[in-house]
Amino acid sequence: EFRRVLFRSNVGGGASLTNGNTKNFVRGGGGLAAAGVAHNYGKYLGLRLDFQWDNLPLRNSALALAQAPSATSHVYSLMFDPIINLPVTKTWGGYILGGAAYFHRSGSQASSTAIPGSACNNFYEWWGSCFAGSLPLNGKFLDSSQNEFGYDFGGAVTRKIRPNIEIYGEFRYLHGKRSGITTDLRPITVGVRW
């Protein structure tokens, strides 16, 4: 028998695979942490708000294009999705979800031998620090910060471990875009809902 839970929270962790242009510069397998809350309107339908942090470890080839010895990069995601809960048995179930998303991607290079005013390569275009096709003359291209709007969708398998507590394995696709710059991830998350 299904017991209706009006509000449901979730926390989880895992790793993200990369996709699209992001895959050219970011290694897959960067860690993630996620948390969310859902408001259920019945047995099947609800709305869910999620916050997620993804580490975006740069490939050695990207560091070479940046002419940087090391760098950090990550993205904060805020996702607002309708969710469809799919109770299959008393123990097993799942859900699908999808909707609008906001992404804040930022990063920092330790240093770079790139010359201010030189033409941007593909990495710096994705990094988001180009100005009219060139690296800024003021040298402010070591740090990157950009906001993107986009969407997410995915689903999960759930297993009840106690009344109103279940573990889940979730897969999503995230896509953000602004001014031709994109961020594409496929996070895999394992967590708990209650």
N, C-alpha and C. Protein backbone atom coordinates (compact mmCIF):
# COMPACT_ATOMS: atom_id res chain seq x y z
N GLU A 1 0.84 -1.19 0.00
CA GLU A 1 0.00 0.00 0.00
C GLU A 1 0.88 1.24 0.00
N PHE A 2 0.56 2.19 -0.85
CA PHE A 2 1.32 3.44 -0.95
C PHE A 2 0.91 4.38 0.16
N ARG A 3 1.91 4.90 0.87
CA ARG A 3 1.65 5.91 1.88
C ARG A 3 2.11 7.25 1.34
N ARG A 4 1.19 8.18 1.21
CA ARG A 4 1.52 9.47 0.61
C ARG A 4 2.46 10.25 1.52
N VAL A 5 3.54 10.76 0.94
CA VAL A 5 4.48 11.64 1.62
C VAL A 5 4.38 12.99 0.94
N LEU A 6 3.90 14.01 1.67
CA LEU A 6 3.67 15.31 1.08
C LEU A 6 4.98 15.96 0.66
N PHE A 7 5.96 15.98 1.55
CA PHE A 7 7.28 16.52 1.23
C PHE A 7 8.30 15.41 1.31
N ARG A 8 9.23 15.43 0.38
CA ARG A 8 10.27 14.41 0.37
C ARG A 8 11.61 15.09 0.08
N SER A 9 12.63 14.77 0.89
CA SER A 9 13.97 15.31 0.70
C SER A 9 14.88 14.25 0.13
N ASN A 10 15.98 14.68 -0.48
CA ASN A 10 16.95 13.73 -1.01
C ASN A 10 18.36 14.31 -0.90
N VAL A 11 19.32 13.44 -0.64
CA VAL A 11 20.74 13.79 -0.67
C VAL A 11 21.47 12.65 -1.36
N GLY A 12 22.54 12.99 -2.07
CA GLY A 12 23.28 11.95 -2.76
C GLY A 12 24.64 12.43 -3.23
N GLY A 13 25.37 11.51 -3.76
CA GLY A 13 26.69 11.80 -4.31
C GLY A 13 26.97 10.86 -5.46
N GLY A 14 28.00 11.18 -6.22
CA GLY A 14 28.34 10.32 -7.34
C GLY A 14 29.39 10.96 -8.22
N ALA A 15 29.23 10.79 -9.51
CA ALA A 15 30.19 11.32 -10.49
C ALA A 15 29.46 11.65 -11.77
N SER A 16 30.08 12.53 -12.56
CA SER A 16 29.47 12.95 -13.82
C SER A 16 30.31 12.51 -15.01
N LEU A 17 29.62 12.03 -16.02
CA LEU A 17 30.23 11.82 -17.32
C LEU A 17 30.07 13.11 -18.10
N THR A 18 30.96 13.37 -19.04
CA THR A 18 30.85 14.59 -19.83
C THR A 18 30.26 14.27 -21.19
N ASN A 19 29.76 15.31 -21.84
CA ASN A 19 29.08 15.15 -23.11
C ASN A 19 29.30 16.42 -23.93
N GLY A 20 28.99 16.38 -25.21
CA GLY A 20 29.07 17.57 -26.05
C GLY A 20 30.46 18.19 -26.05
N ASN A 21 30.52 19.50 -26.18
CA ASN A 21 31.78 20.23 -26.21
C ASN A 21 32.53 20.14 -24.88
N THR A 22 31.80 19.99 -23.79
CA THR A 22 32.42 19.86 -22.47
C THR A 22 33.38 18.68 -22.44
N LYS A 23 33.03 17.61 -23.15
CA LYS A 23 33.85 16.40 -23.17
C LYS A 23 35.24 16.66 -23.76
N ASN A 24 35.36 17.69 -24.61
CA ASN A 24 36.66 18.00 -25.20
C ASN A 24 37.66 18.54 -24.18
N PHE A 25 37.15 19.12 -23.07
CA PHE A 25 38.02 19.80 -22.12
C PHE A 25 37.98 19.22 -20.72
N VAL A 26 36.94 18.46 -20.39
CA VAL A 26 36.76 17.94 -19.03
C VAL A 26 36.78 16.42 -19.03
N ARG A 27 37.57 15.84 -18.12
CA ARG A 27 37.58 14.38 -17.95
C ARG A 27 36.28 13.94 -17.30
N GLY A 28 35.79 12.79 -17.69
CA GLY A 28 34.62 12.21 -17.02
C GLY A 28 35.01 11.69 -15.65
N GLY A 29 34.05 11.58 -14.77
CA GLY A 29 34.31 11.00 -13.46
C GLY A 29 34.53 12.00 -12.35
N GLY A 30 34.33 13.28 -12.63
CA GLY A 30 34.43 14.27 -11.57
C GLY A 30 33.32 14.06 -10.55
N GLY A 31 33.65 14.20 -9.28
CA GLY A 31 32.69 13.96 -8.20
C GLY A 31 31.56 14.97 -8.17
N LEU A 32 30.46 14.60 -7.53
CA LEU A 32 29.31 15.50 -7.38
C LEU A 32 28.65 15.28 -6.03
N ALA A 33 27.97 16.32 -5.58
CA ALA A 33 27.13 16.26 -4.38
C ALA A 33 25.81 16.91 -4.72
N ALA A 34 24.71 16.32 -4.27
CA ALA A 34 23.37 16.81 -4.64
C ALA A 34 22.44 16.76 -3.45
N ALA A 35 21.50 17.70 -3.42
CA ALA A 35 20.45 17.72 -2.40
C ALA A 35 19.21 18.33 -3.02
N GLY A 36 18.05 17.90 -2.54
CA GLY A 36 16.81 18.43 -3.09
C GLY A 36 15.63 18.21 -2.19
N VAL A 37 14.51 18.82 -2.60
CA VAL A 37 13.25 18.65 -1.88
C VAL A 37 12.13 18.59 -2.92
N ALA A 38 11.15 17.74 -2.66
CA ALA A 38 10.01 17.59 -3.58
C ALA A 38 8.72 17.80 -2.81
N HIS A 39 7.74 18.37 -3.49
CA HIS A 39 6.38 18.49 -2.96
C HIS A 39 5.50 17.59 -3.82
N ASN A 40 4.93 16.56 -3.20
CA ASN A 40 4.09 15.62 -3.93
C ASN A 40 2.62 16.06 -3.86
N TYR A 41 1.95 15.99 -5.02
CA TYR A 41 0.55 16.38 -5.10
C TYR A 41 -0.38 15.18 -5.13
N GLY A 42 0.19 13.99 -5.06
CA GLY A 42 -0.58 12.76 -5.09
C GLY A 42 0.37 11.59 -5.16
N LYS A 43 -0.15 10.45 -5.51
CA LYS A 43 0.66 9.24 -5.56
C LYS A 43 1.74 9.32 -6.63
N TYR A 44 1.47 10.01 -7.73
CA TYR A 44 2.38 9.99 -8.86
C TYR A 44 3.08 11.31 -9.15
N LEU A 45 2.40 12.43 -8.98
CA LEU A 45 2.93 13.71 -9.46
C LEU A 45 3.46 14.60 -8.36
N GLY A 46 4.52 15.34 -8.67
CA GLY A 46 5.07 16.30 -7.74
C GLY A 46 5.96 17.30 -8.46
N LEU A 47 6.54 18.22 -7.68
CA LEU A 47 7.52 19.18 -8.17
C LEU A 47 8.76 19.04 -7.30
N ARG A 48 9.93 19.07 -7.94
CA ARG A 48 11.18 18.86 -7.20
C ARG A 48 12.17 19.97 -7.52
N LEU A 49 12.85 20.46 -6.50
CA LEU A 49 13.90 21.46 -6.62
C LEU A 49 15.20 20.83 -6.14
N ASP A 50 16.24 20.85 -7.00
CA ASP A 50 17.52 20.24 -6.67
C ASP A 50 18.65 21.24 -6.80
N PHE A 51 19.64 21.10 -5.91
CA PHE A 51 20.89 21.84 -6.00
C PHE A 51 22.00 20.80 -6.15
N GLN A 52 22.93 21.06 -7.07
CA GLN A 52 24.00 20.09 -7.31
C GLN A 52 25.32 20.80 -7.57
N TRP A 53 26.41 20.25 -7.04
CA TRP A 53 27.76 20.72 -7.30
C TRP A 53 28.51 19.62 -8.03
N ASP A 54 29.14 19.96 -9.16
CA ASP A 54 29.94 19.02 -9.94
C ASP A 54 31.36 19.53 -10.07
N ASN A 55 32.33 18.67 -9.78
CA ASN A 55 33.73 18.98 -10.06
C ASN A 55 33.97 18.70 -11.54
N LEU A 56 34.69 19.60 -12.23
CA LEU A 56 34.97 19.44 -13.65
C LEU A 56 36.49 19.38 -13.84
N PRO A 57 37.12 18.23 -13.63
CA PRO A 57 38.57 18.14 -13.77
C PRO A 57 38.99 18.28 -15.24
N LEU A 58 39.86 19.25 -15.50
CA LEU A 58 40.27 19.53 -16.88
C LEU A 58 41.21 18.45 -17.40
N ARG A 59 41.07 18.14 -18.67
CA ARG A 59 41.97 17.20 -19.35
C ARG A 59 43.36 17.83 -19.48
N ASN A 60 44.39 16.98 -19.59
CA ASN A 60 45.74 17.48 -19.81
C ASN A 60 45.82 18.27 -21.12
N SER A 61 45.06 17.84 -22.12
CA SER A 61 45.05 18.56 -23.40
C SER A 61 44.45 19.96 -23.24
N ALA A 62 43.45 20.10 -22.34
CA ALA A 62 42.87 21.42 -22.08
C ALA A 62 43.87 22.31 -21.36
N LEU A 63 44.59 21.75 -20.39
CA LEU A 63 45.62 22.52 -19.70
C LEU A 63 46.70 22.97 -20.67
N ALA A 64 47.03 22.12 -21.64
CA ALA A 64 48.03 22.50 -22.65
C ALA A 64 47.52 23.66 -23.50
N LEU A 65 46.23 23.63 -23.89
CA LEU A 65 45.66 24.74 -24.66
C LEU A 65 45.62 26.02 -23.83
N ALA A 66 45.39 25.87 -22.52
CA ALA A 66 45.35 27.03 -21.63
C ALA A 66 46.75 27.53 -21.30
N GLN A 67 47.77 26.70 -21.60
CA GLN A 67 49.16 26.97 -21.23
C GLN A 67 49.25 27.18 -19.73
N ALA A 68 48.55 26.29 -19.00
CA ALA A 68 48.48 26.38 -17.54
C ALA A 68 48.98 25.09 -16.92
N PRO A 69 49.70 25.16 -15.79
CA PRO A 69 50.18 23.94 -15.13
C PRO A 69 49.05 23.18 -14.41
N SER A 70 48.07 23.90 -13.92
CA SER A 70 46.95 23.27 -13.23
C SER A 70 45.77 24.25 -13.18
N ALA A 71 44.61 23.73 -12.89
CA ALA A 71 43.40 24.57 -12.82
C ALA A 71 42.32 23.82 -12.07
N THR A 72 41.38 24.56 -11.54
CA THR A 72 40.17 23.98 -10.95
C THR A 72 38.98 24.49 -11.74
N SER A 73 37.95 23.66 -11.81
CA SER A 73 36.74 24.04 -12.54
C SER A 73 35.57 23.27 -11.94
N HIS A 74 34.43 23.92 -11.81
CA HIS A 74 33.24 23.26 -11.27
C HIS A 74 31.99 24.00 -11.72
N VAL A 75 30.86 23.37 -11.49
CA VAL A 75 29.57 23.98 -11.85
C VAL A 75 28.57 23.75 -10.72
N TYR A 76 27.81 24.80 -10.41
CA TYR A 76 26.69 24.72 -9.48
C TYR A 76 25.42 24.71 -10.32
N SER A 77 24.52 23.78 -10.05
CA SER A 77 23.29 23.65 -10.82
C SER A 77 22.08 23.78 -9.90
N LEU A 78 21.07 24.48 -10.37
CA LEU A 78 19.78 24.58 -9.70
C LEU A 78 18.73 24.12 -10.70
N MET A 79 18.00 23.05 -10.34
CA MET A 79 17.06 22.43 -11.28
C MET A 79 15.66 22.38 -10.67
N PHE A 80 14.68 22.76 -11.46
CA PHE A 80 13.28 22.76 -11.02
C PHE A 80 12.50 21.89 -11.98
N ASP A 81 11.99 20.75 -11.48
CA ASP A 81 11.43 19.73 -12.36
C ASP A 81 10.09 19.19 -11.87
N PRO A 82 9.13 19.01 -12.76
CA PRO A 82 8.03 18.11 -12.45
C PRO A 82 8.61 16.70 -12.30
N ILE A 83 8.08 15.93 -11.36
CA ILE A 83 8.54 14.57 -11.13
C ILE A 83 7.35 13.63 -11.17
N ILE A 84 7.54 12.48 -11.82
CA ILE A 84 6.51 11.44 -11.87
C ILE A 84 7.05 10.24 -11.10
N ASN A 85 6.45 9.93 -9.97
CA ASN A 85 6.83 8.78 -9.16
C ASN A 85 6.16 7.53 -9.72
N LEU A 86 6.93 6.44 -9.77
CA LEU A 86 6.45 5.20 -10.36
C LEU A 86 6.59 4.05 -9.36
N PRO A 87 5.63 3.92 -8.42
CA PRO A 87 5.69 2.78 -7.49
C PRO A 87 5.36 1.49 -8.25
N VAL A 88 6.29 0.53 -8.20
CA VAL A 88 6.11 -0.73 -8.93
C VAL A 88 5.64 -1.83 -7.98
N THR A 89 6.36 -1.97 -6.87
CA THR A 89 5.96 -2.92 -5.83
C THR A 89 6.04 -2.19 -4.49
N LYS A 90 5.82 -2.92 -3.39
CA LYS A 90 5.95 -2.29 -2.07
C LYS A 90 7.39 -1.89 -1.78
N THR A 91 8.35 -2.54 -2.45
CA THR A 91 9.77 -2.29 -2.19
C THR A 91 10.43 -1.49 -3.30
N TRP A 92 10.12 -1.78 -4.54
CA TRP A 92 10.80 -1.18 -5.68
C TRP A 92 9.93 -0.14 -6.37
N GLY A 93 10.59 0.86 -6.94
CA GLY A 93 9.89 1.89 -7.69
C GLY A 93 10.88 2.68 -8.52
N GLY A 94 10.47 3.85 -8.87
CA GLY A 94 11.34 4.72 -9.65
C GLY A 94 10.68 6.06 -9.85
N TYR A 95 11.35 6.90 -10.60
CA TYR A 95 10.76 8.19 -10.97
C TYR A 95 11.45 8.71 -12.23
N ILE A 96 10.73 9.58 -12.93
CA ILE A 96 11.31 10.32 -14.04
C ILE A 96 11.05 11.80 -13.77
N LEU A 97 11.95 12.64 -14.27
CA LEU A 97 11.82 14.06 -14.03
C LEU A 97 12.52 14.83 -15.14
N GLY A 98 12.16 16.08 -15.28
CA GLY A 98 12.79 16.94 -16.28
C GLY A 98 12.21 18.32 -16.22
N GLY A 99 13.05 19.32 -16.53
CA GLY A 99 12.55 20.67 -16.49
C GLY A 99 13.65 21.69 -16.72
N ALA A 100 13.43 22.88 -16.19
CA ALA A 100 14.35 24.00 -16.39
C ALA A 100 15.51 23.94 -15.41
N ALA A 101 16.65 24.49 -15.85
CA ALA A 101 17.84 24.47 -14.99
C ALA A 101 18.65 25.75 -15.18
N TYR A 102 19.38 26.11 -14.13
CA TYR A 102 20.30 27.25 -14.14
C TYR A 102 21.66 26.72 -13.72
N PHE A 103 22.70 27.12 -14.44
CA PHE A 103 24.06 26.64 -14.16
C PHE A 103 25.00 27.82 -13.96
N HIS A 104 25.82 27.74 -12.93
CA HIS A 104 26.90 28.71 -12.72
C HIS A 104 28.20 27.93 -12.79
N ARG A 105 28.94 28.14 -13.88
CA ARG A 105 30.22 27.43 -14.06
C ARG A 105 31.36 28.41 -13.83
N SER A 106 32.35 27.98 -13.05
CA SER A 106 33.49 28.84 -12.77
C SER A 106 34.75 28.00 -12.67
N GLY A 107 35.89 28.68 -12.79
CA GLY A 107 37.16 27.99 -12.69
C GLY A 107 38.29 28.97 -12.50
N SER A 108 39.46 28.41 -12.17
CA SER A 108 40.63 29.24 -11.93
C SER A 108 41.88 28.48 -12.33
N GLN A 109 42.75 29.13 -13.09
CA GLN A 109 44.03 28.55 -13.47
C GLN A 109 45.10 29.04 -12.50
N ALA A 110 46.05 28.16 -12.18
CA ALA A 110 47.14 28.54 -11.28
C ALA A 110 47.97 29.66 -11.90
N SER A 111 48.24 29.57 -13.18
CA SER A 111 48.98 30.58 -13.95
C SER A 111 48.86 30.19 -15.42
N SER A 112 49.35 31.03 -16.30
CA SER A 112 49.34 30.71 -17.73
C SER A 112 50.41 31.52 -18.44
N THR A 113 51.01 30.89 -19.43
CA THR A 113 51.99 31.60 -20.26
C THR A 113 51.34 32.17 -21.52
N ALA A 114 49.99 32.05 -21.62
CA ALA A 114 49.28 32.63 -22.76
C ALA A 114 49.46 34.15 -22.77
N ILE A 115 49.54 34.73 -23.95
CA ILE A 115 49.83 36.16 -24.11
C ILE A 115 48.52 36.94 -24.23
N PRO A 116 48.31 37.94 -23.35
CA PRO A 116 47.12 38.78 -23.47
C PRO A 116 47.04 39.40 -24.86
N GLY A 117 45.84 39.43 -25.44
CA GLY A 117 45.64 39.99 -26.76
C GLY A 117 45.78 38.99 -27.89
N SER A 118 46.30 37.78 -27.57
CA SER A 118 46.44 36.76 -28.62
C SER A 118 45.08 36.13 -28.92
N ALA A 119 44.98 35.50 -30.08
CA ALA A 119 43.71 34.90 -30.50
C ALA A 119 43.31 33.77 -29.57
N CYS A 120 42.02 33.66 -29.30
CA CYS A 120 41.51 32.60 -28.44
C CYS A 120 41.52 31.27 -29.18
N ASN A 121 41.88 30.21 -28.48
CA ASN A 121 41.73 28.87 -29.04
C ASN A 121 40.40 28.30 -28.54
N ASN A 122 40.09 27.05 -28.91
CA ASN A 122 38.80 26.43 -28.54
C ASN A 122 38.60 26.37 -27.03
N PHE A 123 39.69 26.11 -26.29
CA PHE A 123 39.54 26.02 -24.83
C PHE A 123 39.09 27.35 -24.25
N TYR A 124 39.76 28.43 -24.62
CA TYR A 124 39.40 29.73 -24.03
C TYR A 124 38.00 30.19 -24.45
N GLU A 125 37.56 29.77 -25.64
CA GLU A 125 36.18 30.07 -26.02
C GLU A 125 35.22 29.35 -25.08
N TRP A 126 35.49 28.06 -24.78
CA TRP A 126 34.64 27.31 -23.84
C TRP A 126 34.80 27.84 -22.42
N TRP A 127 36.00 28.21 -22.05
CA TRP A 127 36.30 28.75 -20.71
C TRP A 127 35.50 30.03 -20.48
N GLY A 128 35.22 30.77 -21.55
CA GLY A 128 34.34 31.93 -21.46
C GLY A 128 35.04 33.25 -21.22
N SER A 129 36.36 33.33 -21.47
CA SER A 129 37.07 34.58 -21.16
C SER A 129 37.51 35.34 -22.41
N CYS A 130 37.04 34.96 -23.59
CA CYS A 130 37.42 35.67 -24.82
C CYS A 130 36.68 37.00 -24.92
N PHE A 131 37.35 37.98 -25.53
CA PHE A 131 36.72 39.26 -25.81
C PHE A 131 37.02 39.58 -27.27
N ALA A 132 35.99 39.59 -28.11
CA ALA A 132 36.13 39.83 -29.55
C ALA A 132 37.16 38.88 -30.17
N GLY A 133 37.14 37.61 -29.74
CA GLY A 133 38.01 36.59 -30.31
C GLY A 133 39.43 36.58 -29.79
N SER A 134 39.73 37.42 -28.80
CA SER A 134 41.09 37.49 -28.25
C SER A 134 41.06 37.38 -26.74
N LEU A 135 42.20 37.00 -26.18
CA LEU A 135 42.35 37.01 -24.72
C LEU A 135 42.40 38.45 -24.24
N PRO A 136 41.73 38.79 -23.15
CA PRO A 136 41.68 40.18 -22.70
C PRO A 136 43.08 40.77 -22.49
N LEU A 137 43.25 42.01 -22.91
CA LEU A 137 44.54 42.69 -22.76
C LEU A 137 44.93 42.89 -21.30
N ASN A 138 43.90 42.98 -20.42
CA ASN A 138 44.20 43.16 -19.00
C ASN A 138 44.68 41.87 -18.33
N GLY A 139 44.74 40.78 -19.09
CA GLY A 139 45.24 39.53 -18.55
C GLY A 139 44.25 38.76 -17.70
N LYS A 140 43.00 39.21 -17.64
CA LYS A 140 42.01 38.56 -16.78
C LYS A 140 41.34 37.41 -17.51
N PHE A 141 42.12 36.38 -17.80
CA PHE A 141 41.56 35.18 -18.42
C PHE A 141 41.89 33.94 -17.61
N LEU A 142 42.60 34.12 -16.49
CA LEU A 142 42.92 32.97 -15.64
C LEU A 142 41.67 32.47 -14.92
N ASP A 143 40.77 33.39 -14.59
CA ASP A 143 39.53 33.03 -13.89
C ASP A 143 38.36 33.09 -14.85
N SER A 144 37.43 32.19 -14.66
CA SER A 144 36.25 32.11 -15.51
C SER A 144 35.01 32.05 -14.63
N SER A 145 33.97 32.75 -15.02
CA SER A 145 32.70 32.70 -14.32
C SER A 145 31.60 33.03 -15.30
N GLN A 146 30.64 32.12 -15.44
CA GLN A 146 29.55 32.36 -16.38
C GLN A 146 28.27 31.68 -15.91
N ASN A 147 27.17 32.27 -16.32
CA ASN A 147 25.84 31.75 -15.98
C ASN A 147 25.18 31.27 -17.26
N GLU A 148 24.55 30.13 -17.16
CA GLU A 148 23.86 29.54 -18.31
C GLU A 148 22.49 29.03 -17.89
N PHE A 149 21.53 29.16 -18.78
CA PHE A 149 20.22 28.56 -18.57
C PHE A 149 20.09 27.36 -19.49
N GLY A 150 19.31 26.39 -19.07
CA GLY A 150 19.15 25.21 -19.89
C GLY A 150 18.08 24.29 -19.34
N TYR A 151 18.35 23.01 -19.42
CA TYR A 151 17.36 22.02 -19.00
C TYR A 151 18.07 20.78 -18.47
N ASP A 152 17.28 19.94 -17.83
CA ASP A 152 17.76 18.64 -17.36
C ASP A 152 16.62 17.64 -17.48
N PHE A 153 16.97 16.37 -17.63
CA PHE A 153 15.97 15.31 -17.57
C PHE A 153 16.68 14.02 -17.17
N GLY A 154 15.89 13.10 -16.61
CA GLY A 154 16.47 11.83 -16.19
C GLY A 154 15.48 10.97 -15.46
N GLY A 155 16.02 9.97 -14.78
CA GLY A 155 15.18 9.04 -14.04
C GLY A 155 15.99 8.26 -13.04
N ALA A 156 15.29 7.47 -12.25
CA ALA A 156 15.97 6.71 -11.20
C ALA A 156 15.20 5.44 -10.87
N VAL A 157 15.92 4.53 -10.26
CA VAL A 157 15.35 3.33 -9.65
C VAL A 157 15.44 3.52 -8.14
N THR A 158 14.38 3.18 -7.42
CA THR A 158 14.35 3.34 -5.97
C THR A 158 14.08 2.00 -5.28
N ARG A 159 14.61 1.88 -4.06
CA ARG A 159 14.33 0.69 -3.25
C ARG A 159 14.06 1.13 -1.82
N LYS A 160 12.89 0.76 -1.32
CA LYS A 160 12.50 1.13 0.05
C LYS A 160 13.32 0.30 1.03
N ILE A 161 13.89 0.97 2.04
CA ILE A 161 14.65 0.26 3.08
C ILE A 161 13.97 0.37 4.45
N ARG A 162 13.10 1.35 4.61
CA ARG A 162 12.27 1.53 5.80
C ARG A 162 11.02 2.28 5.36
N PRO A 163 9.97 2.32 6.17
CA PRO A 163 8.80 3.11 5.77
C PRO A 163 9.20 4.56 5.49
N ASN A 164 8.87 5.04 4.30
CA ASN A 164 9.15 6.40 3.85
C ASN A 164 10.64 6.74 3.73
N ILE A 165 11.52 5.74 3.71
CA ILE A 165 12.95 5.96 3.44
C ILE A 165 13.37 5.00 2.34
N GLU A 166 13.99 5.53 1.32
CA GLU A 166 14.44 4.68 0.22
C GLU A 166 15.78 5.16 -0.33
N ILE A 167 16.52 4.23 -0.91
CA ILE A 167 17.75 4.57 -1.60
C ILE A 167 17.41 4.69 -3.10
N TYR A 168 18.22 5.46 -3.81
CA TYR A 168 17.95 5.63 -5.24
C TYR A 168 19.26 5.67 -6.02
N GLY A 169 19.16 5.24 -7.27
CA GLY A 169 20.23 5.39 -8.25
C GLY A 169 19.67 6.19 -9.40
N GLU A 170 20.26 7.35 -9.67
CA GLU A 170 19.68 8.30 -10.63
C GLU A 170 20.67 8.62 -11.75
N PHE A 171 20.14 8.78 -12.95
CA PHE A 171 20.92 9.23 -14.11
C PHE A 171 20.19 10.42 -14.71
N ARG A 172 20.95 11.49 -14.99
CA ARG A 172 20.36 12.68 -15.61
C ARG A 172 21.23 13.17 -16.76
N TYR A 173 20.63 13.99 -17.58
CA TYR A 173 21.34 14.72 -18.63
C TYR A 173 21.15 16.20 -18.34
N LEU A 174 22.25 16.97 -18.25
CA LEU A 174 22.19 18.40 -18.00
C LEU A 174 22.76 19.15 -19.20
N HIS A 175 22.10 20.21 -19.61
CA HIS A 175 22.59 21.03 -20.72
C HIS A 175 22.32 22.50 -20.42
N GLY A 176 23.38 23.31 -20.47
CA GLY A 176 23.25 24.75 -20.31
C GLY A 176 23.92 25.45 -21.48
N LYS A 177 23.42 26.65 -21.82
CA LYS A 177 23.98 27.37 -22.96
C LYS A 177 23.81 28.87 -22.77
N ARG A 178 24.85 29.61 -23.15
CA ARG A 178 24.78 31.07 -23.19
C ARG A 178 25.79 31.56 -24.22
N SER A 179 25.36 32.37 -25.15
CA SER A 179 26.23 32.97 -26.17
C SER A 179 27.10 31.93 -26.88
N GLY A 180 26.52 30.79 -27.19
CA GLY A 180 27.24 29.75 -27.90
C GLY A 180 28.14 28.89 -27.04
N ILE A 181 28.25 29.20 -25.76
CA ILE A 181 29.05 28.42 -24.82
C ILE A 181 28.14 27.42 -24.14
N THR A 182 28.55 26.15 -24.09
CA THR A 182 27.68 25.13 -23.51
C THR A 182 28.37 24.38 -22.37
N THR A 183 27.55 23.82 -21.50
CA THR A 183 27.99 22.90 -20.46
C THR A 183 27.08 21.69 -20.55
N ASP A 184 27.67 20.50 -20.73
CA ASP A 184 26.89 19.27 -20.89
C ASP A 184 27.45 18.19 -19.97
N LEU A 185 26.60 17.67 -19.09
CA LEU A 185 26.99 16.64 -18.13
C LEU A 185 25.94 15.55 -18.08
N ARG A 186 26.38 14.36 -17.67
CA ARG A 186 25.49 13.23 -17.44
C ARG A 186 25.79 12.67 -16.05
N PRO A 187 25.24 13.29 -15.00
CA PRO A 187 25.55 12.85 -13.64
C PRO A 187 24.87 11.53 -13.27
N ILE A 188 25.62 10.71 -12.54
CA ILE A 188 25.11 9.46 -11.97
C ILE A 188 25.18 9.64 -10.45
N THR A 189 24.04 9.55 -9.80
CA THR A 189 23.95 9.84 -8.37
C THR A 189 23.33 8.67 -7.62
N VAL A 190 23.89 8.35 -6.47
CA VAL A 190 23.32 7.37 -5.55
C VAL A 190 23.04 8.11 -4.25
N GLY A 191 21.82 7.92 -3.70
CA GLY A 191 21.49 8.67 -2.51
C GLY A 191 20.32 8.08 -1.75
N VAL A 192 19.78 8.92 -0.86
CA VAL A 192 18.67 8.54 0.02
C VAL A 192 17.55 9.55 -0.12
N ARG A 193 16.31 9.06 -0.20
CA ARG A 193 15.11 9.92 -0.17
C ARG A 193 14.32 9.57 1.08
N TRP A 194 13.75 10.61 1.71
CA TRP A 194 12.91 10.37 2.88
C TRP A 194 11.80 11.40 2.97
